Amino acid sequence: MKVLLTGGAGYIGSHTAVELMTSGYDVVIADNLSNSCKEAISRIEELGGNKVSFYDIDVCCKMEMEKLFSEQDIGACIHFAGLKSVPESTSMPLSYYRNNLDATLTLLETMQEFGVKKLVFSSSATVYGVPKSVPVNEDADTWCTNPYGWTKYMSEQIMRDAAKADESLSIILLRYFNPIGAHESGRIGEDPQGKPNNLMPYISQVAVGRRDKLYVYGDDYATPDGTGVRDYIHVVDLAKGHIAALEYAEKNPGCIAVNLGTGLGYSVLDIVKTFERANDIRVPYEIAPRRPGDVDTLYSDPSRAEKLLGWKAEKNLEDMCRDTWNWQKHNPKGYRE
């Protein structure tokens, strides 16, 4: 079966593409490379042992998406494409709403036109906003603290409504927690353009000498060490979760949300210390003011994923830190060597 990955050249998309290929799927990628690099496609092919059908297009453009679907016999879609920075979304809300919602609507309209019925959506734990309690399960209240989260929340609602209108649709809303790590080969990993917005690539860029120090945003949260606590998941575990979701979607129509996390919460300083210990390298840091939209503590109850999808995270925090450094030390400037 051919699986279309929108945004498939990005961090999570590239790892998922490799896992799909090694599981016997044919992969088609649509990506405008706005936050990724074409070199990732070559490395996906290297690790996956097969060719990728790559389209350098904007998923928001209906005409380009229709051309892709007319040329490829798409059996299912995994929708990664979208802008993804929480702090950036607070300063550029209109860009986030326009891009992320247009991409979702265009994909769903094109799927409908070509009779494609299976979709796995890259959602986010940001839809839980400030949780009343942790761990958070899928029945918790949903409410967002930033425009990025709202675009995921609204996309989920659009997909639920589409599934109600067409009972043959099968849509899995995967609510990610915090993906970090890299492929164990060191050939693909997280390579943000410009200043990283996420913790782990910032740590690894400091470690490799690209940045002087890490800025820890806030040390006055209601957590054991004052820094924010999150559920960090290895990107390869996350990628395998998409395979499990796709297999579930093939047999079960309807729309359902599923958390992908480890069920464990680690603080920012926990990550820094584990990275230093696992890789025997120092990461200097400085405390900075809080960022808008961040919450104190958020980690998952991943039991639904195990029950419905037969999936659970296997890699631990040291694996995540070692694999991140293996990627960064062999690719000091990412894909842009």
Protein backbone atom coordinates (compact mmCIF):
# COMPACT_ATOMS: atom_id res chain seq x y z
CA MET A 1 0.00 0.00 0.00
CA LYS A 2 1.15 3.54 -0.79
CA VAL A 3 1.08 5.89 2.18
CA LEU A 4 1.22 9.66 1.68
CA LEU A 5 3.18 11.57 4.33
CA THR A 6 2.47 15.29 4.26
CA GLY A 7 5.47 17.03 5.81
CA GLY A 8 7.29 13.73 5.50
CA ALA A 9 10.77 15.26 5.13
CA GLY A 10 10.58 16.74 8.64
CA TYR A 11 11.80 15.34 11.93
CA ILE A 12 8.95 12.98 12.83
CA GLY A 13 7.94 12.40 9.21
CA SER A 14 11.39 11.19 8.17
CA HIS A 15 11.60 8.66 10.99
CA THR A 16 8.08 7.45 10.25
CA ALA A 17 8.94 7.09 6.57
CA VAL A 18 11.85 4.79 7.43
CA GLU A 19 9.68 2.65 9.73
CA LEU A 20 6.97 2.42 7.05
CA MET A 21 9.46 1.34 4.40
CA THR A 22 11.04 -1.32 6.61
CA SER A 23 7.49 -2.57 7.33
CA GLY A 24 6.81 -3.06 3.61
CA TYR A 25 4.87 0.11 2.72
CA ASP A 26 5.54 2.33 -0.28
CA VAL A 27 6.09 5.95 0.76
CA VAL A 28 5.02 9.15 -0.99
CA ILE A 29 6.14 12.44 0.58
CA ALA A 30 4.68 15.91 0.03
CA ASP A 31 6.77 18.65 1.63
CA ASN A 32 7.61 22.23 0.68
CA LEU A 33 10.86 22.03 2.70
CA SER A 34 9.96 25.16 4.71
CA ASN A 35 11.31 23.53 7.87
CA SER A 36 13.16 20.54 6.44
CA CYS A 37 15.84 19.66 3.89
CA LYS A 38 15.83 17.57 0.72
CA GLU A 39 18.92 15.71 1.95
CA ALA A 40 16.58 13.97 4.41
CA ILE A 41 14.87 12.25 1.45
CA SER A 42 18.14 10.65 0.32
CA ARG A 43 18.82 9.40 3.83
CA ILE A 44 15.28 8.04 4.22
CA GLU A 45 15.87 6.04 1.03
CA GLU A 46 19.25 4.87 2.32
CA LEU A 47 17.81 3.63 5.63
CA GLY A 48 14.53 2.36 4.18
CA GLY A 49 16.17 0.48 1.33
CA ASN A 50 13.80 1.78 -1.33
CA LYS A 51 12.90 4.86 -3.35
CA VAL A 52 10.50 7.56 -2.14
CA SER A 53 8.12 9.38 -4.47
CA PHE A 54 8.85 12.98 -3.43
CA TYR A 55 6.71 16.02 -4.29
CA ASP A 56 8.13 19.44 -3.46
CA ILE A 57 4.72 21.05 -3.01
CA ASP A 58 2.67 23.07 -0.54
CA VAL A 59 -0.01 20.84 0.99
CA CYS A 60 -2.27 23.91 1.18
CA CYS A 61 -2.40 24.05 -2.64
CA LYS A 62 -5.39 22.01 -3.86
CA MET A 63 -4.22 21.86 -7.46
CA GLU A 64 -0.83 20.41 -6.51
CA MET A 65 -2.42 17.91 -4.14
CA GLU A 66 -4.89 16.79 -6.81
CA LYS A 67 -1.99 16.24 -9.21
CA LEU A 68 -0.20 14.09 -6.63
CA PHE A 69 -3.29 11.97 -5.92
CA SER A 70 -3.95 11.53 -9.65
CA GLU A 71 -0.39 10.23 -10.19
CA GLN A 72 -0.16 8.01 -7.09
CA ASP A 73 -2.56 5.30 -5.93
CA ILE A 74 -2.71 6.52 -2.33
CA GLY A 75 -4.14 4.02 0.16
CA ALA A 76 -3.73 6.02 3.37
CA CYS A 77 -2.38 9.36 4.59
CA ILE A 78 -0.35 10.48 7.59
CA HIS A 79 -0.68 14.23 8.08
CA PHE A 80 2.41 15.89 9.58
CA ALA A 81 2.51 19.12 7.56
CA GLY A 82 2.18 22.30 9.58
CA LEU A 83 3.94 25.07 11.45
CA LYS A 84 4.85 23.79 14.89
CA SER A 85 6.42 26.32 17.30
CA VAL A 86 4.43 27.26 20.39
CA PRO A 87 6.25 30.58 21.05
CA GLU A 88 6.26 31.54 17.37
CA SER A 89 2.53 30.87 17.15
CA THR A 90 1.86 33.45 19.85
CA SER A 91 3.60 36.14 17.79
CA MET A 92 2.36 34.94 14.36
CA PRO A 93 -1.14 33.60 15.07
CA LEU A 94 -2.65 34.39 11.67
CA SER A 95 0.12 32.54 9.83
CA TYR A 96 -0.44 29.49 12.03
CA TYR A 97 -4.21 29.45 11.60
CA ARG A 98 -4.00 30.01 7.84
CA ASN A 99 -1.30 27.41 7.16
CA ASN A 100 -2.27 24.62 9.54
CA LEU A 101 -6.02 24.71 8.96
CA ASP A 102 -5.67 25.16 5.19
CA ALA A 103 -3.37 22.12 5.05
CA THR A 104 -5.88 20.00 6.98
CA LEU A 105 -8.87 21.10 4.89
CA THR A 106 -7.04 20.68 1.58
CA LEU A 107 -5.88 17.18 2.48
CA LEU A 108 -9.34 16.07 3.60
CA GLU A 109 -11.00 17.53 0.50
CA THR A 110 -8.50 15.80 -1.78
CA MET A 111 -8.90 12.50 0.08
CA GLN A 112 -12.66 12.77 -0.35
CA GLU A 113 -12.31 13.52 -4.06
CA PHE A 114 -10.09 10.44 -4.61
CA GLY A 115 -11.87 8.07 -2.24
CA VAL A 116 -9.05 7.69 0.31
CA LYS A 117 -10.53 6.63 3.64
CA LYS A 118 -7.64 6.16 6.10
CA LEU A 119 -5.87 9.01 7.90
CA VAL A 120 -3.47 9.28 10.83
CA PHE A 121 -3.16 12.83 12.16
CA SER A 122 -0.15 14.35 13.90
CA SER A 123 -1.89 16.06 16.80
CA SER A 124 -0.38 17.26 20.06
CA ALA A 125 -0.65 17.15 23.83
CA THR A 126 -1.01 20.93 23.67
CA VAL A 127 -4.75 20.32 23.15
CA TYR A 128 -4.95 19.53 26.88
CA GLY A 129 -3.91 23.07 27.80
CA VAL A 130 -3.34 23.35 31.55
CA PRO A 131 -4.43 19.91 32.80
CA LYS A 132 -6.42 19.59 36.01
CA SER A 133 -4.41 16.50 36.92
CA VAL A 134 -1.68 14.26 35.52
CA PRO A 135 -1.18 11.81 33.96
CA VAL A 136 -3.56 12.98 31.24
CA ASN A 137 -5.78 10.51 29.40
CA GLU A 138 -7.74 11.08 26.21
CA ASP A 139 -10.97 11.84 28.08
CA ALA A 140 -9.45 14.86 29.85
CA ASP A 141 -10.78 18.32 29.09
CA THR A 142 -9.29 19.89 25.98
CA TRP A 143 -8.43 23.57 25.96
CA CYS A 144 -5.41 25.39 24.58
CA THR A 145 -3.04 28.09 25.78
CA ASN A 146 -1.54 29.09 22.42
CA PRO A 147 -2.48 29.37 18.72
CA TYR A 148 -0.41 26.31 17.74
CA GLY A 149 -2.45 24.18 20.15
CA TRP A 150 -5.69 25.66 18.83
CA THR A 151 -4.77 24.70 15.26
CA LYS A 152 -4.38 21.08 16.43
CA TYR A 153 -7.62 21.26 18.43
CA MET A 154 -9.54 22.74 15.46
CA SER A 155 -8.04 20.23 13.03
CA GLU A 156 -9.16 17.41 15.33
CA GLN A 157 -12.70 18.83 15.34
CA ILE A 158 -12.74 19.14 11.55
CA MET A 159 -11.70 15.48 11.29
CA ARG A 160 -14.33 14.34 13.78
CA ASP A 161 -17.02 16.13 11.81
CA ALA A 162 -15.74 14.62 8.55
CA ALA A 163 -15.86 11.13 10.10
CA LYS A 164 -19.44 11.70 11.32
CA ALA A 165 -20.50 12.72 7.82
CA ASP A 166 -18.73 9.75 6.19
CA GLU A 167 -18.92 6.60 8.31
CA SER A 168 -16.42 4.82 6.05
CA LEU A 169 -13.64 7.19 7.13
CA SER A 170 -11.08 5.93 9.64
CA ILE A 171 -9.10 8.68 11.40
CA ILE A 172 -6.65 8.26 14.28
CA LEU A 173 -5.74 11.46 16.13
CA LEU A 174 -2.30 10.83 17.64
CA ARG A 175 -1.64 13.24 20.49
CA TYR A 176 2.14 13.40 20.79
CA PHE A 177 3.88 14.41 23.92
CA ASN A 178 7.53 15.55 23.47
CA PRO A 179 9.50 13.72 20.76
CA ILE A 180 13.28 13.72 21.11
CA GLY A 181 16.13 11.44 20.02
CA ALA A 182 17.15 10.33 16.55
CA HIS A 183 17.57 7.22 14.44
CA GLU A 184 20.26 5.01 16.00
CA SER A 185 22.29 5.17 12.77
CA GLY A 186 22.84 8.90 13.27
CA ARG A 187 21.77 9.50 9.66
CA ILE A 188 18.49 11.31 10.36
CA GLY A 189 17.50 13.51 13.29
CA GLU A 190 16.01 16.83 14.35
CA ASP A 191 17.44 19.71 12.29
CA PRO A 192 15.53 22.95 12.94
CA GLN A 193 16.24 25.95 10.75
CA GLY A 194 17.46 28.94 12.73
CA LYS A 195 17.20 29.06 16.50
CA PRO A 196 15.70 25.86 17.93
CA ASN A 197 12.32 26.19 19.64
CA ASN A 198 12.50 22.75 21.27
CA LEU A 199 14.69 21.73 24.18
CA MET A 200 16.73 18.79 22.87
CA PRO A 201 18.08 20.30 19.63
CA TYR A 202 19.08 23.36 21.64
CA ILE A 203 20.98 21.15 24.12
CA SER A 204 22.72 19.24 21.33
CA GLN A 205 23.67 22.43 19.46
CA VAL A 206 25.25 23.78 22.66
CA ALA A 207 27.07 20.46 23.12
CA VAL A 208 28.46 20.52 19.57
CA GLY A 209 29.59 24.15 19.89
CA ARG A 210 27.05 25.88 17.65
CA ARG A 211 25.64 27.83 20.62
CA ASP A 212 27.30 29.14 23.77
CA LYS A 213 24.71 28.01 26.30
CA LEU A 214 21.20 26.73 26.83
CA TYR A 215 18.49 29.07 28.05
CA VAL A 216 16.13 27.39 30.51
CA TYR A 217 12.84 29.27 30.32
CA GLY A 218 11.57 29.60 33.87
CA ASP A 219 12.68 28.04 37.15
CA ASP A 220 9.63 29.02 39.22
CA TYR A 221 7.13 26.43 38.04
CA ALA A 222 5.31 24.26 40.59
CA THR A 223 7.65 21.32 39.97
CA PRO A 224 10.39 19.62 42.06
CA ASP A 225 13.23 21.72 40.62
CA GLY A 226 11.18 24.67 39.32
CA THR A 227 11.59 23.83 35.63
CA GLY A 228 8.82 22.56 33.39
CA VAL A 229 8.04 18.84 33.42
CA ARG A 230 7.15 17.00 30.22
CA ASP A 231 6.71 13.50 28.84
CA TYR A 232 9.65 12.88 26.47
CA ILE A 233 9.32 10.07 23.92
CA HIS A 234 11.94 8.67 21.55
CA VAL A 235 11.11 9.64 17.97
CA VAL A 236 11.58 6.05 16.76
CA ASP A 237 9.03 4.81 19.32
CA LEU A 238 6.74 7.58 18.09
CA ALA A 239 7.27 6.56 14.46
CA LYS A 240 6.36 2.97 15.29
CA GLY A 241 3.19 4.29 16.89
CA HIS A 242 2.12 5.54 13.45
CA ILE A 243 2.51 2.06 11.98
CA ALA A 244 0.32 0.66 14.76
CA ALA A 245 -2.25 3.42 14.19
CA LEU A 246 -2.29 2.75 10.46
CA GLU A 247 -2.89 -0.95 11.04
CA TYR A 248 -5.74 -0.10 13.43
CA ALA A 249 -7.25 2.33 10.91
CA GLU A 250 -7.32 -0.36 8.23
CA LYS A 251 -9.79 -2.39 10.33
CA ASN A 252 -11.71 0.20 12.36
CA PRO A 253 -13.76 3.07 10.88
CA GLY A 254 -14.54 6.16 12.94
CA CYS A 255 -12.40 8.80 14.63
CA ILE A 256 -10.52 8.29 17.90
CA ALA A 257 -7.82 10.16 19.83
CA VAL A 258 -4.81 8.26 21.20
CA ASN A 259 -1.94 9.55 23.35
CA LEU A 260 1.61 8.65 22.36
CA GLY A 261 3.89 9.12 25.35
CA THR A 262 5.80 7.18 27.98
CA GLY A 263 3.69 8.09 31.00
CA LEU A 264 6.77 9.53 32.74
CA GLY A 265 7.49 13.19 33.49
CA TYR A 266 10.99 14.69 33.38
CA SER A 267 12.01 18.30 34.06
CA VAL A 268 14.19 20.43 31.81
CA LEU A 269 17.09 20.01 34.22
CA ASP A 270 16.51 16.24 34.32
CA ILE A 271 17.08 16.22 30.57
CA VAL A 272 20.21 18.37 30.80
CA LYS A 273 21.74 16.16 33.51
CA THR A 274 20.88 12.93 31.71
CA PHE A 275 22.35 14.26 28.45
CA GLU A 276 25.56 15.20 30.25
CA ARG A 277 25.81 11.83 31.99
CA ALA A 278 24.94 9.69 28.97
CA ASN A 279 27.38 11.47 26.66
CA ASP A 280 30.08 12.62 29.10
CA ILE A 281 29.79 16.23 27.95
CA ARG A 282 28.96 19.48 29.72
CA VAL A 283 25.98 21.64 28.73
CA PRO A 284 26.21 25.16 30.22
CA TYR A 285 22.84 26.83 30.82
CA GLU A 286 21.28 30.04 32.09
CA ILE A 287 17.85 30.61 33.59
CA ALA A 288 15.67 32.93 31.46
CA PRO A 289 12.12 34.28 31.81
CA ARG A 290 9.18 31.97 31.14
CA ARG A 291 7.86 31.67 27.59
CA PRO A 292 4.21 32.52 26.92
CA GLY A 293 1.93 29.50 26.59
CA ASP A 294 4.03 27.01 28.58
CA VAL A 295 2.46 24.98 31.40
CA ASP A 296 4.02 23.57 34.59
CA THR A 297 3.58 19.81 34.15
CA LEU A 298 2.20 17.65 31.39
CA TYR A 299 2.67 13.92 30.94
CA SER A 300 0.54 11.16 29.49
CA ASP A 301 -1.52 8.18 30.38
CA PRO A 302 -0.58 6.02 27.35
CA SER A 303 -2.73 3.01 28.27
CA ARG A 304 -5.20 3.46 25.39
CA ALA A 305 -2.37 3.13 22.87
CA GLU A 306 -1.35 -0.18 24.38
CA LYS A 307 -4.92 -1.45 24.61
CA LEU A 308 -6.13 -0.41 21.13
CA LEU A 309 -2.96 -0.27 19.07
CA GLY A 310 -0.79 -2.82 20.85
CA TRP A 311 1.89 -0.12 21.14
CA LYS A 312 4.01 1.17 24.00
CA ALA A 313 7.26 3.12 24.21
CA GLU A 314 10.35 0.94 24.57
CA LYS A 315 13.29 3.37 24.73
CA ASN A 316 14.34 5.22 27.88
CA LEU A 317 15.64 8.74 28.50
CA GLU A 318 19.31 7.73 28.20
CA ASP A 319 18.57 6.16 24.79
CA MET A 320 16.99 9.45 23.72
CA CYS A 321 20.00 11.47 24.87
CA ARG A 322 22.61 9.12 23.37
CA ASP A 323 20.86 8.92 20.00
CA THR A 324 20.43 12.71 19.87
CA TRP A 325 24.15 13.22 20.44
CA ASN A 326 25.08 10.50 17.94
CA TRP A 327 23.07 12.40 15.30
CA GLN A 328 24.41 15.84 16.24
CA LYS A 329 28.10 14.94 16.59
CA HIS A 330 28.09 13.29 13.15
CA ASN A 331 26.03 16.12 11.64
CA PRO A 332 27.20 19.26 13.48
CA LYS A 333 25.30 21.51 11.07
CA GLY A 334 22.45 19.09 10.52
CA TYR A 335 21.72 18.19 6.91
CA ARG A 336 23.31 21.43 5.68
CA GLU A 337 26.96 20.36 5.83
